[in-house]
Amino acid sequence: MPTSKALIRMPSFGNNQRVRFIGGEGVVRKFQYEFGAWDYFVEMEMGQYPDFGRVGAETMVILNEAELRAA
Protein backbone atom coordinates (compact mmCIF):
# COMPACT_ATOMS: atom_id res chain seq x y z
CA MET A 1 0.00 0.00 0.00
CA PRO A 2 1.47 3.41 -0.98
CA THR A 3 2.13 5.97 1.71
CA SER A 4 0.30 9.29 1.71
CA LYS A 5 3.52 11.06 0.67
CA ALA A 6 3.53 9.07 -2.57
CA LEU A 7 0.22 10.72 -3.50
CA ILE A 8 1.46 14.31 -3.13
CA ARG A 9 2.41 15.80 -6.49
CA MET A 10 5.48 17.94 -6.96
CA PRO A 11 5.13 21.73 -6.64
CA SER A 12 4.84 23.72 -9.88
CA PHE A 13 7.12 26.53 -8.69
CA GLY A 14 10.42 26.57 -6.81
CA ASN A 15 12.37 28.88 -4.52
CA ASN A 16 13.61 32.10 -6.16
CA GLN A 17 11.31 31.62 -9.15
CA ARG A 18 9.60 34.74 -10.51
CA VAL A 19 5.81 34.46 -10.59
CA ARG A 20 2.83 36.62 -11.55
CA PHE A 21 -0.56 36.85 -9.90
CA ILE A 22 -3.55 39.15 -9.94
CA GLY A 23 -2.28 42.36 -8.40
CA GLY A 24 1.42 41.99 -9.04
CA GLU A 25 4.45 39.81 -9.35
CA GLY A 26 7.24 38.64 -7.13
CA VAL A 27 9.65 35.86 -6.20
CA VAL A 28 8.82 32.59 -4.44
CA ARG A 29 10.70 32.53 -1.12
CA LYS A 30 9.16 29.42 0.43
CA PHE A 31 6.45 26.86 -0.29
CA GLN A 32 4.64 24.21 1.72
CA TYR A 33 2.04 21.52 1.18
CA GLU A 34 -1.01 22.03 3.37
CA PHE A 35 -4.60 20.80 3.23
CA GLY A 36 -4.16 19.09 -0.13
CA ALA A 37 -2.56 22.00 -2.02
CA TRP A 38 0.72 23.87 -2.36
CA ASP A 39 0.92 27.34 -0.79
CA TYR A 40 3.64 29.77 -1.81
CA PHE A 41 5.19 32.62 0.16
CA VAL A 42 5.83 35.27 -2.50
CA GLU A 43 7.89 38.37 -1.85
CA MET A 44 6.50 41.23 -3.93
CA GLU A 45 8.83 43.64 -5.65
CA MET A 46 9.24 47.03 -4.08
CA GLY A 47 7.94 49.91 -6.14
CA GLN A 48 9.57 53.27 -6.54
CA TYR A 49 10.94 54.83 -3.38
CA PRO A 50 8.21 57.11 -1.93
CA ASP A 51 8.93 60.69 -0.81
CA PHE A 52 8.14 59.84 2.81
CA GLY A 53 10.52 56.86 3.05
CA ARG A 54 9.81 53.20 3.65
CA VAL A 55 8.12 51.78 6.71
CA GLY A 56 9.43 48.23 6.33
CA ALA A 57 10.73 45.59 3.98
CA GLU A 58 9.03 44.11 0.92
CA THR A 59 5.53 42.70 1.24
CA MET A 60 5.16 38.93 1.58
CA VAL A 61 1.92 37.32 0.40
CA ILE A 62 0.78 33.72 0.71
CA LEU A 63 -0.88 32.42 -2.43
CA ASN A 64 -2.27 29.10 -3.57
CA GLU A 65 -0.68 27.44 -6.59
CA ALA A 66 -3.81 28.03 -8.68
CA GLU A 67 -3.32 31.80 -8.29
CA LEU A 68 0.19 31.85 -9.77
CA ARG A 69 1.68 31.89 -13.26
CA ALA A 70 5.35 31.74 -14.23
CA ALA A 71 6.77 35.17 -15.06
PDB file of N, CA and C in Angstrom:
ATOM      1  N   MET A   1       0.847  -1.181   0.000  1.00  0.00           N
ATOM      2  CA  MET A   1       0.000   0.000   0.000  1.00  0.00           C
ATOM      3  C   MET A   1       0.890   1.240   0.000  1.00  0.00           C
ATOM      4  N   PRO A   2       0.644   2.195  -0.924  1.00  0.00           N
ATOM      5  CA  PRO A   2       1.474   3.410  -0.985  1.00  0.00           C
ATOM      6  C   PRO A   2       1.236   4.296   0.227  1.00  0.00           C
ATOM      7  N   THR A   3       2.267   5.021   0.607  1.00  0.00           N
ATOM      8  CA  THR A   3       2.133   5.970   1.710  1.00  0.00           C
ATOM      9  C   THR A   3       1.458   7.238   1.190  1.00  0.00           C
ATOM     10  N   SER A   4       0.968   8.046   2.109  1.00  0.00           N
ATOM     11  CA  SER A   4       0.302   9.288   1.710  1.00  0.00           C
ATOM     12  C   SER A   4       1.260  10.234   1.004  1.00  0.00           C
ATOM     13  N   LYS A   5       2.555  10.189   1.339  1.00  0.00           N
ATOM     14  CA  LYS A   5       3.517  11.065   0.673  1.00  0.00           C
ATOM     15  C   LYS A   5       3.651  10.722  -0.805  1.00  0.00           C
ATOM     16  N   ALA A   6       3.432   9.472  -1.169  1.00  0.00           N
ATOM     17  CA  ALA A   6       3.531   9.074  -2.566  1.00  0.00           C
ATOM     18  C   ALA A   6       2.422   9.712  -3.397  1.00  0.00           C
ATOM     19  N   LEU A   7       1.340  10.137  -2.787  1.00  0.00           N
ATOM     20  CA  LEU A   7       0.216  10.720  -3.498  1.00  0.00           C
ATOM     21  C   LEU A   7       0.329  12.231  -3.675  1.00  0.00           C
ATOM     22  N   ILE A   8       1.284  12.862  -3.030  1.00  0.00           N
ATOM     23  CA  ILE A   8       1.465  14.308  -3.130  1.00  0.00           C
ATOM     24  C   ILE A   8       2.256  14.608  -4.406  1.00  0.00           C
ATOM     25  N   ARG A   9       1.696  15.455  -5.262  1.00  0.00           N
ATOM     26  CA  ARG A   9       2.405  15.799  -6.487  1.00  0.00           C
ATOM     27  C   ARG A   9       3.453  16.874  -6.214  1.00  0.00           C
ATOM     28  N   MET A  10       4.391  16.978  -7.090  1.00  0.00           N
ATOM     29  CA  MET A  10       5.479  17.937  -6.959  1.00  0.00           C
ATOM     30  C   MET A  10       4.948  19.361  -7.132  1.00  0.00           C
ATOM     31  N   PRO A  11       5.568  20.345  -6.475  1.00  0.00           N
ATOM     32  CA  PRO A  11       5.130  21.734  -6.640  1.00  0.00           C
ATOM     33  C   PRO A  11       5.435  22.240  -8.047  1.00  0.00           C
ATOM     34  N   SER A  12       4.642  23.157  -8.540  1.00  0.00           N
ATOM     35  CA  SER A  12       4.842  23.716  -9.880  1.00  0.00           C
ATOM     36  C   SER A  12       5.900  24.809  -9.910  1.00  0.00           C
ATOM     37  N   PHE A  13       6.175  25.431  -8.763  1.00  0.00           N
ATOM     38  CA  PHE A  13       7.120  26.534  -8.691  1.00  0.00           C
ATOM     39  C   PHE A  13       8.151  26.242  -7.610  1.00  0.00           C
ATOM     40  N   GLY A  14       9.349  26.801  -7.769  1.00  0.00           N
ATOM     41  CA  GLY A  14      10.419  26.570  -6.808  1.00  0.00           C
ATOM     42  C   GLY A  14      10.903  27.853  -6.165  1.00  0.00           C
ATOM     43  N   ASN A  15      11.792  27.717  -5.195  1.00  0.00           N
ATOM     44  CA  ASN A  15      12.370  28.884  -4.524  1.00  0.00           C
ATOM     45  C   ASN A  15      13.088  29.776  -5.535  1.00  0.00           C
ATOM     46  N   ASN A  16      12.974  31.063  -5.338  1.00  0.00           N
ATOM     47  CA  ASN A  16      13.606  32.098  -6.159  1.00  0.00           C
ATOM     48  C   ASN A  16      13.054  32.184  -7.576  1.00  0.00           C
ATOM     49  N   GLN A  17      11.931  31.533  -7.836  1.00  0.00           N
ATOM     50  CA  GLN A  17      11.307  31.617  -9.155  1.00  0.00           C
ATOM     51  C   GLN A  17      10.393  32.830  -9.212  1.00  0.00           C
ATOM     52  N   ARG A  18      10.465  33.569 -10.310  1.00  0.00           N
ATOM     53  CA  ARG A  18       9.604  34.739 -10.508  1.00  0.00           C
ATOM     54  C   ARG A  18       8.228  34.258 -10.923  1.00  0.00           C
ATOM     55  N   VAL A  19       7.198  34.827 -10.301  1.00  0.00           N
ATOM     56  CA  VAL A  19       5.813  34.461 -10.595  1.00  0.00           C
ATOM     57  C   VAL A  19       4.961  35.719 -10.731  1.00  0.00           C
ATOM     58  N   ARG A  20       3.819  35.551 -11.406  1.00  0.00           N
ATOM     59  CA  ARG A  20       2.832  36.620 -11.550  1.00  0.00           C
ATOM     60  C   ARG A  20       1.532  36.156 -10.922  1.00  0.00           C
ATOM     61  N   PHE A  21       0.750  37.119 -10.471  1.00  0.00           N
ATOM     62  CA  PHE A  21      -0.559  36.846  -9.903  1.00  0.00           C
ATOM     63  C   PHE A  21      -1.392  38.106 -10.054  1.00  0.00           C
ATOM     64  N   ILE A  22      -2.690  37.976  -9.846  1.00  0.00           N
ATOM     65  CA  ILE A  22      -3.547  39.148  -9.940  1.00  0.00           C
ATOM     66  C   ILE A  22      -3.095  40.150  -8.891  1.00  0.00           C
ATOM     67  N   GLY A  23      -2.716  41.316  -9.321  1.00  0.00           N
ATOM     68  CA  GLY A  23      -2.279  42.360  -8.405  1.00  0.00           C
ATOM     69  C   GLY A  23      -0.781  42.571  -8.357  1.00  0.00           C
ATOM     70  N   GLY A  24      -0.009  41.750  -9.067  1.00  0.00           N
ATOM     71  CA  GLY A  24       1.423  41.989  -9.037  1.00  0.00           C
ATOM     72  C   GLY A  24       2.260  40.809  -9.456  1.00  0.00           C
ATOM     73  N   GLU A  25       3.525  40.903  -9.106  1.00  0.00           N
ATOM     74  CA  GLU A  25       4.453  39.810  -9.350  1.00  0.00           C
ATOM     75  C   GLU A  25       5.509  39.828  -8.273  1.00  0.00           C
ATOM     76  N   GLY A  26       6.230  38.737  -8.173  1.00  0.00           N
ATOM     77  CA  GLY A  26       7.242  38.638  -7.135  1.00  0.00           C
ATOM     78  C   GLY A  26       8.072  37.384  -7.294  1.00  0.00           C
ATOM     79  N   VAL A  27       8.735  36.997  -6.211  1.00  0.00           N
ATOM     80  CA  VAL A  27       9.645  35.862  -6.200  1.00  0.00           C
ATOM     81  C   VAL A  27       9.221  34.894  -5.099  1.00  0.00           C
ATOM     82  N   VAL A  28       9.160  33.609  -5.437  1.00  0.00           N
ATOM     83  CA  VAL A  28       8.823  32.588  -4.438  1.00  0.00           C
ATOM     84  C   VAL A  28       9.976  32.481  -3.440  1.00  0.00           C
ATOM     85  N   ARG A  29       9.681  32.635  -2.173  1.00  0.00           N
ATOM     86  CA  ARG A  29      10.698  32.532  -1.122  1.00  0.00           C
ATOM     87  C   ARG A  29      10.586  31.230  -0.328  1.00  0.00           C
ATOM     88  N   LYS A  30       9.381  30.651  -0.329  1.00  0.00           N
ATOM     89  CA  LYS A  30       9.159  29.421   0.434  1.00  0.00           C
ATOM     90  C   LYS A  30       7.855  28.814  -0.067  1.00  0.00           C
ATOM     91  N   PHE A  31       7.722  27.502   0.043  1.00  0.00           N
ATOM     92  CA  PHE A  31       6.448  26.863  -0.294  1.00  0.00           C
ATOM     93  C   PHE A  31       6.242  25.674   0.631  1.00  0.00           C
ATOM     94  N   GLN A  32       4.966  25.333   0.831  1.00  0.00           N
ATOM     95  CA  GLN A  32       4.635  24.214   1.718  1.00  0.00           C
ATOM     96  C   GLN A  32       3.329  23.571   1.271  1.00  0.00           C
ATOM     97  N   TYR A  33       3.236  22.288   1.514  1.00  0.00           N
ATOM     98  CA  TYR A  33       2.038  21.523   1.176  1.00  0.00           C
ATOM     99  C   TYR A  33       1.142  21.497   2.398  1.00  0.00           C
ATOM    100  N   GLU A  34      -0.087  21.978   2.229  1.00  0.00           N
ATOM    101  CA  GLU A  34      -1.005  22.030   3.366  1.00  0.00           C
ATOM    102  C   GLU A  34      -2.436  21.868   2.877  1.00  0.00           C
ATOM    103  N   PHE A  35      -3.180  21.023   3.531  1.00  0.00           N
ATOM    104  CA  PHE A  35      -4.596  20.801   3.231  1.00  0.00           C
ATOM    105  C   PHE A  35      -4.837  20.427   1.771  1.00  0.00           C
ATOM    106  N   GLY A  36      -3.965  19.602   1.220  1.00  0.00           N
ATOM    107  CA  GLY A  36      -4.161  19.089  -0.127  1.00  0.00           C
ATOM    108  C   GLY A  36      -3.718  20.001  -1.254  1.00  0.00           C
ATOM    109  N   ALA A  37      -3.004  21.078  -0.967  1.00  0.00           N
ATOM    110  CA  ALA A  37      -2.558  21.998  -2.015  1.00  0.00           C
ATOM    111  C   ALA A  37      -1.237  22.656  -1.619  1.00  0.00           C
ATOM    112  N   TRP A  38      -0.522  23.145  -2.614  1.00  0.00           N
ATOM    113  CA  TRP A  38       0.720  23.872  -2.361  1.00  0.00           C
ATOM    114  C   TRP A  38       0.419  25.346  -2.134  1.00  0.00           C
ATOM    115  N   ASP A  39       0.988  25.904  -1.080  1.00  0.00           N
ATOM    116  CA  ASP A  39       0.917  27.338  -0.795  1.00  0.00           C
ATOM    117  C   ASP A  39       2.309  27.920  -0.966  1.00  0.00           C
ATOM    118  N   TYR A  40       2.368  29.122  -1.509  1.00  0.00           N
ATOM    119  CA  TYR A  40       3.643  29.771  -1.809  1.00  0.00           C
ATOM    120  C   TYR A  40       3.743  31.104  -1.083  1.00  0.00           C
ATOM    121  N   PHE A  41       4.889  31.349  -0.481  1.00  0.00           N
ATOM    122  CA  PHE A  41       5.185  32.622   0.163  1.00  0.00           C
ATOM    123  C   PHE A  41       5.934  33.446  -0.882  1.00  0.00           C
ATOM    124  N   VAL A  42       5.278  34.479  -1.396  1.00  0.00           N
ATOM    125  CA  VAL A  42       5.827  35.271  -2.496  1.00  0.00           C
ATOM    126  C   VAL A  42       6.181  36.659  -1.990  1.00  0.00           C
ATOM    127  N   GLU A  43       7.424  37.041  -2.219  1.00  0.00           N
ATOM    128  CA  GLU A  43       7.890  38.374  -1.851  1.00  0.00           C
ATOM    129  C   GLU A  43       7.655  39.288  -3.047  1.00  0.00           C
ATOM    130  N   MET A  44       6.812  40.293  -2.849  1.00  0.00           N
ATOM    131  CA  MET A  44       6.502  41.230  -3.934  1.00  0.00           C
ATOM    132  C   MET A  44       7.661  42.199  -4.125  1.00  0.00           C
ATOM    133  N   GLU A  45       7.796  42.653  -5.357  1.00  0.00           N
ATOM    134  CA  GLU A  45       8.825  43.641  -5.651  1.00  0.00           C
ATOM    135  C   GLU A  45       8.468  44.977  -5.037  1.00  0.00           C
ATOM    136  N   MET A  46       9.485  45.696  -4.598  1.00  0.00           N
ATOM    137  CA  MET A  46       9.238  47.033  -4.077  1.00  0.00           C
ATOM    138  C   MET A  46       9.074  47.982  -5.252  1.00  0.00           C
ATOM    139  N   GLY A  47       8.153  48.905  -5.110  1.00  0.00           N
ATOM    140  CA  GLY A  47       7.937  49.910  -6.141  1.00  0.00           C
ATOM    141  C   GLY A  47       8.962  51.021  -6.020  1.00  0.00           C
ATOM    142  N   GLN A  48       8.674  52.134  -6.642  1.00  0.00           N
ATOM    143  CA  GLN A  48       9.573  53.271  -6.543  1.00  0.00           C
ATOM    144  C   GLN A  48       9.612  53.769  -5.105  1.00  0.00           C
ATOM    145  N   TYR A  49      10.738  54.328  -4.726  1.00  0.00           N
ATOM    146  CA  TYR A  49      10.935  54.828  -3.376  1.00  0.00           C
ATOM    147  C   TYR A  49      10.027  56.046  -3.156  1.00  0.00           C
ATOM    148  N   PRO A  50       9.123  55.984  -2.171  1.00  0.00           N
ATOM    149  CA  PRO A  50       8.213  57.111  -1.934  1.00  0.00           C
ATOM    150  C   PRO A  50       8.927  58.289  -1.268  1.00  0.00           C
ATOM    151  N   ASP A  51       8.346  59.477  -1.388  1.00  0.00           N
ATOM    152  CA  ASP A  51       8.929  60.691  -0.811  1.00  0.00           C
ATOM    153  C   ASP A  51       9.053  60.618   0.704  1.00  0.00           C
ATOM    154  N   PHE A  52       8.160  59.876   1.355  1.00  0.00           N
ATOM    155  CA  PHE A  52       8.142  59.840   2.812  1.00  0.00           C
ATOM    156  C   PHE A  52       8.969  58.697   3.394  1.00  0.00           C
ATOM    157  N   GLY A  53       9.680  57.950   2.569  1.00  0.00           N
ATOM    158  CA  GLY A  53      10.516  56.856   3.047  1.00  0.00           C
ATOM    159  C   GLY A  53       9.745  55.547   3.146  1.00  0.00           C
ATOM    160  N   ARG A  54      10.429  54.513   3.513  1.00  0.00           N
ATOM    161  CA  ARG A  54       9.811  53.197   3.652  1.00  0.00           C
ATOM    162  C   ARG A  54       9.551  52.884   5.112  1.00  0.00           C
ATOM    163  N   VAL A  55       8.462  52.186   5.350  1.00  0.00           N
ATOM    164  CA  VAL A  55       8.117  51.780   6.711  1.00  0.00           C
ATOM    165  C   VAL A  55       8.788  50.451   7.050  1.00  0.00           C
ATOM    166  N   GLY A  56       8.850  49.545   6.082  1.00  0.00           N
ATOM    167  CA  GLY A  56       9.427  48.231   6.329  1.00  0.00           C
ATOM    168  C   GLY A  56       9.982  47.620   5.060  1.00  0.00           C
ATOM    169  N   ALA A  57      10.177  46.317   5.111  1.00  0.00           N
ATOM    170  CA  ALA A  57      10.733  45.594   3.977  1.00  0.00           C
ATOM    171  C   ALA A  57       9.651  45.321   2.942  1.00  0.00           C
ATOM    172  N   GLU A  58       9.982  44.488   1.958  1.00  0.00           N
ATOM    173  CA  GLU A  58       9.030  44.111   0.923  1.00  0.00           C
ATOM    174  C   GLU A  58       7.817  43.423   1.547  1.00  0.00           C
ATOM    175  N   THR A  59       6.758  43.352   0.783  1.00  0.00           N
ATOM    176  CA  THR A  59       5.532  42.700   1.235  1.00  0.00           C
ATOM    177  C   THR A  59       5.566  41.228   0.864  1.00  0.00           C
ATOM    178  N   MET A  60       5.230  40.368   1.809  1.00  0.00           N
ATOM    179  CA  MET A  60       5.160  38.932   1.582  1.00  0.00           C
ATOM    180  C   MET A  60       3.693  38.540   1.549  1.00  0.00           C
ATOM    181  N   VAL A  61       3.288  37.812   0.510  1.00  0.00           N
ATOM    182  CA  VAL A  61       1.921  37.324   0.402  1.00  0.00           C
ATOM    183  C   VAL A  61       1.956  35.804   0.310  1.00  0.00           C
ATOM    184  N   ILE A  62       0.907  35.176   0.796  1.00  0.00           N
ATOM    185  CA  ILE A  62       0.775  33.721   0.712  1.00  0.00           C
ATOM    186  C   ILE A  62      -0.317  33.437  -0.305  1.00  0.00           C
ATOM    187  N   LEU A  63       0.047  32.700  -1.349  1.00  0.00           N
ATOM    188  CA  LEU A  63      -0.881  32.423  -2.433  1.00  0.00           C
ATOM    189  C   LEU A  63      -0.931  30.929  -2.728  1.00  0.00           C
ATOM    190  N   ASN A  64      -2.088  30.482  -3.170  1.00  0.00           N
ATOM    191  CA  ASN A  64      -2.267  29.101  -3.575  1.00  0.00           C
ATOM    192  C   ASN A  64      -1.698  28.935  -4.981  1.00  0.00           C
ATOM    193  N   GLU A  65      -1.277  27.724  -5.291  1.00  0.00           N
ATOM    194  CA  GLU A  65      -0.676  27.440  -6.590  1.00  0.00           C
ATOM    195  C   GLU A  65      -1.569  27.848  -7.763  1.00  0.00           C
ATOM    196  N   ALA A  66      -2.875  27.697  -7.610  1.00  0.00           N
ATOM    197  CA  ALA A  66      -3.813  28.031  -8.682  1.00  0.00           C
ATOM    198  C   ALA A  66      -3.823  29.531  -9.003  1.00  0.00           C
ATOM    199  N   GLU A  67      -3.323  30.343  -8.087  1.00  0.00           N
ATOM    200  CA  GLU A  67      -3.319  31.800  -8.287  1.00  0.00           C
ATOM    201  C   GLU A  67      -2.061  32.312  -8.973  1.00  0.00           C
ATOM    202  N   LEU A  68      -1.094  31.436  -9.247  1.00  0.00           N
ATOM    203  CA  LEU A  68       0.190  31.850  -9.771  1.00  0.00           C
ATOM    204  C   LEU A  68       0.425  31.417 -11.201  1.00  0.00           C
ATOM    205  N   ARG A  69       1.225  32.202 -11.912  1.00  0.00           N
ATOM    206  CA  ARG A  69       1.685  31.893 -13.260  1.00  0.00           C
ATOM    207  C   ARG A  69       3.182  32.203 -13.300  1.00  0.00           C
ATOM    208  N   ALA A  70       3.940  31.467 -14.098  1.00  0.00           N
ATOM    209  CA  ALA A  70       5.354  31.745 -14.235  1.00  0.00           C
ATOM    210  C   ALA A  70       5.538  33.087 -14.933  1.00  0.00           C
ATOM    211  N   ALA A  71       6.514  33.846 -14.467  1.00  0.00           N
ATOM    212  CA  ALA A  71       6.774  35.174 -15.060  1.00  0.00           C
ATOM    213  C   ALA A  71       7.699  35.047 -16.250  1.00  0.00           C
TER     214      ALA A  71
END
